[in-house]
Amino acid sequence: MSLFGLVLTPLRPGAALVTRPASAVTRPIGAAIAPLGVVGQIATDVRSIATSTNELTVAVEELDAIRRRVETLEVEVTRMRQAVEDVVGEVSQVREQTAPLGRLAARFSRRRPA
């Protein structure tokens, strides 16, 4: 029964003699308080969503920083590979140019008396 029905409905004869259980009184109070619990749950949910959104924003920023660092490292690795290839080319040239010296050194070592 609604509060409206309790207040505005005229008393019927004999209605005052009927006793109601104690829970009948607490139900309307509980029904009035229940929306406050829903509002509290909504506030908790909104806080949880805000926290999750903040954490997600931080994660996206960290991933972007990692992406930028990886791009920088890719450029550095490419440069290092090119430098290694250049060094390999230079070492090959040095070997070719010093090969005659090795043969000459071998001749001198055979000519010296032991």
Protein backbone atom coordinates (compact mmCIF):
# COMPACT_ATOMS: atom_id res chain seq x y z
CA MET A 1 0.00 0.00 0.00
CA SER A 2 1.33 3.43 -0.86
CA LEU A 3 1.74 6.37 1.45
CA PHE A 4 -0.91 8.17 -0.61
CA GLY A 5 -3.36 5.36 0.06
CA LEU A 6 -2.68 5.44 3.79
CA VAL A 7 -3.22 9.16 4.21
CA LEU A 8 -6.10 9.97 1.88
CA THR A 9 -8.26 6.86 2.12
CA PRO A 10 -10.92 7.30 4.77
CA LEU A 11 -10.87 4.71 7.47
CA ARG A 12 -13.22 1.88 6.88
CA PRO A 13 -15.19 0.59 9.76
CA GLY A 14 -13.20 -2.05 11.56
CA ALA A 15 -9.93 -1.04 9.89
CA ALA A 16 -8.52 0.22 13.17
CA LEU A 17 -8.92 -3.22 14.69
CA VAL A 18 -6.58 -4.91 12.18
CA THR A 19 -3.02 -5.13 13.43
CA ARG A 20 -0.15 -4.94 10.98
CA PRO A 21 3.20 -6.67 11.29
CA ALA A 22 6.19 -4.51 12.20
CA SER A 23 7.76 -5.21 8.80
CA ALA A 24 4.87 -3.42 7.12
CA VAL A 25 6.12 -0.15 8.60
CA THR A 26 9.74 -0.74 7.64
CA ARG A 27 8.95 -1.56 4.03
CA PRO A 28 7.95 2.01 3.09
CA ILE A 29 11.03 3.35 4.92
CA GLY A 30 13.24 0.80 3.16
CA ALA A 31 11.65 1.73 -0.15
CA ALA A 32 12.40 5.39 0.54
CA ILE A 33 16.04 4.65 1.44
CA ALA A 34 16.67 2.22 -1.43
CA PRO A 35 17.19 4.97 -4.07
CA LEU A 36 19.93 6.44 -1.86
CA GLY A 37 21.77 3.13 -2.10
CA VAL A 38 21.43 3.24 -5.87
CA VAL A 39 22.79 6.78 -5.93
CA GLY A 40 25.70 5.65 -3.77
CA GLN A 41 26.39 2.73 -6.14
CA ILE A 42 26.25 5.09 -9.12
CA ALA A 43 28.78 7.39 -7.43
CA THR A 44 31.04 4.40 -6.74
CA ASP A 45 30.73 3.29 -10.36
CA VAL A 46 31.55 6.78 -11.64
CA ARG A 47 34.64 6.90 -9.39
CA SER A 48 35.70 3.47 -10.66
CA ILE A 49 35.25 4.57 -14.28
CA ALA A 50 37.24 7.75 -13.63
CA THR A 51 40.06 5.76 -12.02
CA SER A 52 40.11 3.29 -14.90
CA THR A 53 40.10 6.12 -17.44
CA ASN A 54 43.02 7.78 -15.66
CA GLU A 55 44.96 4.50 -15.60
CA LEU A 56 44.19 3.94 -19.28
CA THR A 57 45.41 7.45 -20.12
CA VAL A 58 48.66 6.81 -18.23
CA ALA A 59 49.10 3.48 -20.03
CA VAL A 60 48.53 5.11 -23.44
CA GLU A 61 51.10 7.81 -22.64
CA GLU A 62 53.63 5.18 -21.51
CA LEU A 63 53.04 3.15 -24.68
CA ASP A 64 53.54 6.27 -26.78
CA ALA A 65 56.84 6.98 -24.99
CA ILE A 66 57.93 3.39 -25.63
CA ARG A 67 56.96 3.69 -29.30
CA ARG A 68 59.01 6.88 -29.69
CA ARG A 69 62.01 5.24 -27.99
CA VAL A 70 61.74 2.16 -30.24
CA GLU A 71 61.63 4.41 -33.31
CA THR A 72 64.78 6.17 -32.08
CA LEU A 73 66.49 2.83 -31.45
CA GLU A 74 65.54 1.63 -34.94
CA VAL A 75 67.29 4.66 -36.44
CA GLU A 76 70.34 4.08 -34.23
CA VAL A 77 70.51 0.38 -35.16
CA THR A 78 70.32 1.25 -38.85
CA ARG A 79 73.20 3.69 -38.44
CA MET A 80 75.26 1.15 -36.49
CA ARG A 81 74.69 -1.52 -39.16
CA GLN A 82 75.87 0.88 -41.82
CA ALA A 83 78.94 1.75 -39.74
CA VAL A 84 79.74 -1.97 -39.26
CA GLU A 85 79.42 -2.57 -42.99
CA ASP A 86 81.76 0.37 -43.61
CA VAL A 87 84.29 -1.06 -41.13
CA VAL A 88 84.08 -4.49 -42.79
CA GLY A 89 84.84 -2.85 -46.14
CA GLU A 90 87.80 -0.96 -44.68
CA VAL A 91 89.20 -4.11 -43.01
CA SER A 92 88.98 -5.95 -46.33
CA GLN A 93 90.91 -3.16 -48.02
CA VAL A 94 93.56 -3.17 -45.29
CA ARG A 95 93.97 -6.95 -45.67
CA GLU A 96 94.36 -6.66 -49.42
CA GLN A 97 96.90 -3.87 -49.06
CA THR A 98 98.92 -5.60 -46.32
CA ALA A 99 98.95 -9.05 -47.94
CA PRO A 100 102.16 -8.29 -49.86
CA LEU A 101 103.81 -7.30 -46.58
CA GLY A 102 103.00 -10.71 -45.14
CA ARG A 103 104.59 -12.45 -48.11
CA LEU A 104 107.64 -10.19 -47.81
CA ALA A 105 107.94 -10.94 -44.11
CA ALA A 106 107.78 -14.66 -44.87
CA ARG A 107 110.68 -14.32 -47.34
CA PHE A 108 112.82 -12.50 -44.79
CA SER A 109 112.16 -15.06 -42.13
CA ARG A 110 113.33 -17.87 -44.50
CA ARG A 111 116.53 -16.01 -45.45
CA ARG A 112 117.76 -15.43 -41.92
CA PRO A 113 120.03 -18.07 -40.63
CA ALA A 114 118.63 -19.82 -37.68
